Protein backbone atom coordinates (compact mmCIF):
# COMPACT_ATOMS: atom_id res chain seq x y z
CA MET A 1 105.02 103.75 106.66
CA ASN A 2 104.93 102.87 102.95
CA VAL A 3 102.94 105.30 100.81
CA LEU A 4 101.94 104.46 97.24
CA ALA A 5 100.47 107.10 94.92
CA ILE A 6 99.13 105.86 91.58
CA GLY A 7 98.20 108.44 88.98
CA CYS A 8 97.20 108.17 85.38
CA HIS A 9 99.65 110.37 83.48
CA PRO A 10 103.06 111.70 84.41
CA ASP A 11 102.31 114.99 86.31
CA ASP A 12 98.87 113.94 87.65
CA LEU A 13 100.27 113.05 91.07
CA GLU A 14 102.22 116.29 91.32
CA ILE A 15 99.01 118.21 90.61
CA GLY A 16 96.77 116.26 92.98
CA CYS A 17 98.98 115.23 95.88
CA GLY A 18 102.55 116.43 95.30
CA GLY A 19 102.63 118.51 98.45
CA THR A 20 101.34 115.62 100.52
CA LEU A 21 103.91 113.22 99.06
CA ALA A 22 106.68 115.70 99.91
CA LEU A 23 105.31 115.89 103.47
CA TYR A 24 105.39 112.09 103.78
CA ALA A 25 108.96 111.92 102.48
CA GLY A 26 110.05 114.73 104.78
CA LYS A 27 108.72 112.80 107.77
CA GLY A 28 110.80 109.76 106.79
CA HIS A 29 108.09 107.64 105.17
CA ASN A 30 108.79 105.57 102.07
CA VAL A 31 107.05 107.19 99.10
CA TYR A 32 106.44 105.31 95.86
CA MET A 33 104.88 106.85 92.76
CA CYS A 34 103.38 105.15 89.74
CA HIS A 35 101.86 106.43 86.51
CA VAL A 36 99.68 104.05 84.53
CA ALA A 37 99.62 105.87 81.18
CA ASN A 38 102.81 107.11 79.53
CA GLY A 39 101.42 110.46 78.41
CA ASP A 40 102.31 109.80 74.78
CA LYS A 41 99.44 111.84 73.31
CA GLY A 42 99.79 114.91 75.51
CA HIS A 43 101.43 117.21 72.97
CA ALA A 44 100.34 118.73 69.65
CA VAL A 45 103.77 118.56 67.99
CA ILE A 46 105.99 115.93 69.65
CA MET A 47 105.12 112.50 68.30
CA PRO A 48 103.83 109.79 70.67
CA GLY A 49 106.89 107.52 70.76
CA GLU A 50 109.29 110.31 71.60
CA LEU A 51 106.84 112.03 73.94
CA GLY A 52 106.26 108.86 75.96
CA ARG A 53 109.99 108.54 76.56
CA LEU A 54 110.37 112.22 77.47
CA ARG A 55 107.46 112.19 79.89
CA THR A 56 108.71 109.05 81.62
CA ALA A 57 112.06 110.75 82.21
CA GLU A 58 110.29 113.88 83.47
CA ALA A 59 108.34 111.78 85.96
CA VAL A 60 111.54 110.30 87.39
CA ALA A 61 113.11 113.75 87.79
CA SER A 62 109.96 115.10 89.40
CA GLY A 63 109.70 112.15 91.78
CA ALA A 64 113.26 112.78 92.96
CA ILE A 65 112.30 116.34 93.97
CA LEU A 66 109.33 115.03 95.96
CA GLY A 67 111.51 112.44 97.69
CA ALA A 68 110.09 109.31 96.07
CA LYS A 69 112.11 106.12 96.50
CA LYS A 70 110.93 104.82 93.14
CA VAL A 71 108.73 105.90 90.24
CA PHE A 72 106.95 103.01 88.50
CA ASN A 73 105.69 103.21 84.91
CA ILE A 74 102.97 100.83 83.66
CA ASN A 75 103.44 102.32 80.17
CA VAL A 76 99.86 102.12 78.84
CA PRO A 77 99.32 104.43 75.83
CA ASP A 78 97.07 107.42 76.47
CA LEU A 79 93.32 106.83 76.06
CA LEU A 80 93.73 103.06 76.48
CA VAL A 81 93.63 102.68 80.27
CA ASP A 82 91.05 99.99 80.98
CA SER A 83 90.09 98.70 84.42
CA HIS A 84 88.70 95.53 82.79
CA ASN A 85 91.98 94.72 81.08
CA GLU A 86 93.40 91.92 83.23
CA GLU A 87 96.97 92.52 82.09
CA GLN A 88 96.75 96.11 83.28
CA VAL A 89 95.25 94.95 86.58
CA LYS A 90 98.15 92.53 87.03
CA GLU A 91 100.70 95.26 86.29
CA VAL A 92 99.22 97.44 89.03
CA VAL A 93 99.06 94.44 91.38
CA GLU A 94 102.79 93.96 90.80
CA VAL A 95 103.43 97.58 91.81
CA ILE A 96 101.32 97.19 94.95
CA ARG A 97 103.04 93.95 95.90
CA ALA A 98 106.43 95.63 95.39
CA ALA A 99 105.58 98.75 97.41
CA ARG A 100 103.60 96.96 100.17
CA PRO A 101 101.69 100.15 100.98
CA ASP A 102 100.06 101.15 104.24
CA VAL A 103 98.05 103.72 102.29
CA ILE A 104 97.30 104.29 98.61
CA ILE A 105 96.39 107.58 96.89
CA THR A 106 94.80 107.72 93.45
CA HIS A 107 92.29 109.59 91.29
CA SER A 108 88.70 110.27 92.21
CA PRO A 109 86.26 108.00 90.36
CA ASP A 110 84.50 111.23 89.31
CA ASP A 111 87.43 112.94 87.61
CA TYR A 112 87.21 114.74 84.28
CA MET A 113 88.35 112.17 81.69
CA ARG A 114 88.16 108.46 81.00
CA ASP A 115 91.79 107.55 81.62
CA HIS A 116 91.62 109.09 85.12
CA VAL A 117 88.35 107.34 85.94
CA GLU A 118 89.65 104.01 84.64
CA THR A 119 92.85 104.44 86.69
CA SER A 120 90.74 104.94 89.81
CA LYS A 121 88.82 101.74 89.11
CA LEU A 122 92.01 99.92 88.16
CA VAL A 123 93.62 100.79 91.51
CA PHE A 124 90.48 99.80 93.41
CA ASN A 125 90.46 96.39 91.71
CA ALA A 126 94.19 95.78 91.94
CA SER A 127 94.47 96.80 95.58
CA PHE A 128 92.03 94.03 96.46
CA ASN A 129 93.46 91.47 94.05
CA SER A 130 96.96 91.99 95.40
CA SER A 131 95.89 90.43 98.71
CA ILE A 132 94.65 87.17 97.16
CA PRO A 133 97.27 84.37 97.39
CA HIS A 134 95.92 82.54 94.35
CA TYR A 135 95.83 85.63 92.15
CA TYR A 136 99.12 84.85 90.52
CA THR A 137 101.65 87.40 89.34
CA LYS A 138 105.44 87.33 89.52
CA SER A 139 105.33 88.44 93.16
CA GLU A 140 103.83 86.89 96.26
CA SER A 141 100.55 88.24 97.57
CA TYR A 142 100.48 91.24 99.90
CA PRO A 143 97.98 90.45 102.67
CA VAL A 144 96.90 94.06 103.37
CA ILE A 145 94.01 95.74 101.57
CA ALA A 146 95.33 99.24 102.12
CA PRO A 147 93.13 102.24 102.87
CA LEU A 148 92.53 104.16 99.66
CA PHE A 149 92.36 107.95 99.41
CA TYR A 150 91.06 109.80 96.37
CA MET A 151 92.91 113.02 95.51
CA ASP A 152 91.30 116.18 94.18
CA THR A 153 89.82 116.42 90.70
CA LEU A 154 91.31 118.85 88.21
CA ALA A 155 90.38 122.38 89.37
CA GLY A 156 88.45 120.77 92.25
CA VAL A 157 85.29 120.47 90.18
CA GLY A 158 82.60 118.36 91.91
CA PHE A 159 84.94 117.36 94.74
CA LEU A 160 84.33 118.34 98.36
CA PRO A 161 87.22 117.07 100.50
CA GLU A 162 86.66 115.16 103.71
CA GLU A 163 90.29 115.47 104.83
CA TYR A 164 93.01 117.98 104.13
CA THR A 165 96.77 118.18 104.38
CA ASP A 166 98.49 121.48 105.11
CA ILE A 167 101.03 121.86 102.31
CA THR A 168 102.07 125.43 103.13
CA ASP A 169 105.63 124.26 103.76
CA THR A 170 105.80 122.01 100.68
CA LEU A 171 103.90 124.01 98.06
CA GLU A 172 107.09 125.26 96.39
CA THR A 173 108.46 121.71 96.33
CA LYS A 174 105.20 120.61 94.67
CA LEU A 175 105.50 123.36 92.05
CA ASN A 176 109.21 122.70 91.45
CA ALA A 177 108.41 119.03 90.86
CA LEU A 178 105.56 119.91 88.54
CA GLU A 179 107.80 122.20 86.49
CA LYS A 180 110.02 119.21 85.67
CA HIS A 181 107.20 118.16 83.34
CA GLY A 182 108.45 120.60 80.73
CA THR A 183 106.67 118.99 77.77
CA GLN A 184 103.42 120.04 79.46
CA ILE A 185 104.20 123.13 81.54
CA LYS A 186 106.48 124.89 79.05
CA TRP A 187 104.24 124.11 76.08
CA MET A 188 101.10 125.41 77.80
CA ARG A 189 102.89 128.55 78.96
CA GLU A 190 104.46 129.40 75.57
CA HIS A 191 101.80 128.21 73.13
CA ASP A 192 98.49 128.28 75.03
CA GLY A 193 99.15 131.21 77.35
CA ILE A 194 98.28 129.04 80.36
CA ASP A 195 100.35 129.34 83.52
CA PHE A 196 99.61 125.91 84.93
CA LEU A 197 101.78 126.45 87.99
CA ASP A 198 99.56 129.41 88.89
CA PHE A 199 96.52 127.21 88.21
CA VAL A 200 97.76 124.63 90.73
CA ARG A 201 98.76 127.29 93.26
CA THR A 202 95.26 128.78 93.04
CA VAL A 203 93.56 125.44 93.72
CA SER A 204 95.92 124.83 96.67
CA LYS A 205 95.10 128.26 98.06
CA PHE A 206 91.37 127.63 97.72
CA ARG A 207 91.65 124.30 99.54
CA GLY A 208 93.69 126.07 102.21
CA LEU A 209 90.95 128.67 102.58
CA GLN A 210 88.47 125.86 103.24
CA CYS A 211 90.48 124.38 106.10
CA GLY A 212 92.12 127.45 107.63
CA VAL A 213 95.69 127.24 106.32
CA LYS A 214 97.55 129.03 103.53
CA TYR A 215 97.77 126.10 101.11
CA ALA A 216 96.24 122.62 101.28
CA GLU A 217 95.38 119.49 99.31
CA GLY A 218 92.04 117.76 99.71
CA PHE A 219 91.18 114.06 99.84
CA ARG A 220 88.24 111.70 100.21
CA LEU A 221 88.44 108.21 101.74
CA CYS A 222 87.20 105.18 99.82
CA LYS A 223 84.44 103.89 102.07
CA GLY A 224 84.44 100.15 101.77
CA TRP A 225 85.30 97.35 104.18
CA PRO A 226 88.07 96.69 105.15
CA ARG A 227 89.68 99.88 103.87
CA MET A 228 88.57 102.22 106.65
CA THR A 229 90.63 102.82 109.77
CA ALA A 230 90.58 104.97 112.90
CA LYS A 231 94.21 105.95 112.32
CA ARG A 232 95.21 109.28 110.82
CA LEU A 233 97.10 108.20 107.71
CA LEU A 234 97.52 111.53 105.93
CA PRO A 235 100.44 113.66 107.16
């Protein structure tokens, strides 16, 4: 099975579905990751040009730990993700047509900031457009409108999962991958006094408590024809 996870910034996928992606890869599925924004404004000291390059490299290193076959980068500057921007839609369509996913994971449309919400809408639009033969990009159309799962919001606020994955065996892999994002994790730990790895562990433990395992990640299915299926697609 081909699995495509599309997040907004480098590190968003590790936070929301890193354990699940590691589970997929461990079961022999093809995992592809994509970040739409380059994270260039996510630091108080490092300037945007340099930060964008650093965070892109961090995403590749993190993806390798999770077992991703490829990490795509749309390279949109932070705060400029726009689901109505047709060039951005086409860039995501290209990723979908390259990965040919059986399932897609992305942000909830109710997440905490605009770039995340716009990424969710962007993926929804592009995953339909990718199936249209006369929607022209460099690649041929992909005839499947893949089922779409929304991953947890930051801190789980306003998000009640409908499905869970047991990530007890992959939690440490998730955290190891997340720690590769040193421009974020190290900075928050040393300058803001925030242990973001503990933050993510706590959310995973809470989701595990909800579904009867030690650690879990939660998801909701996009309910729209023809994206629903009777198959269990999450690992």
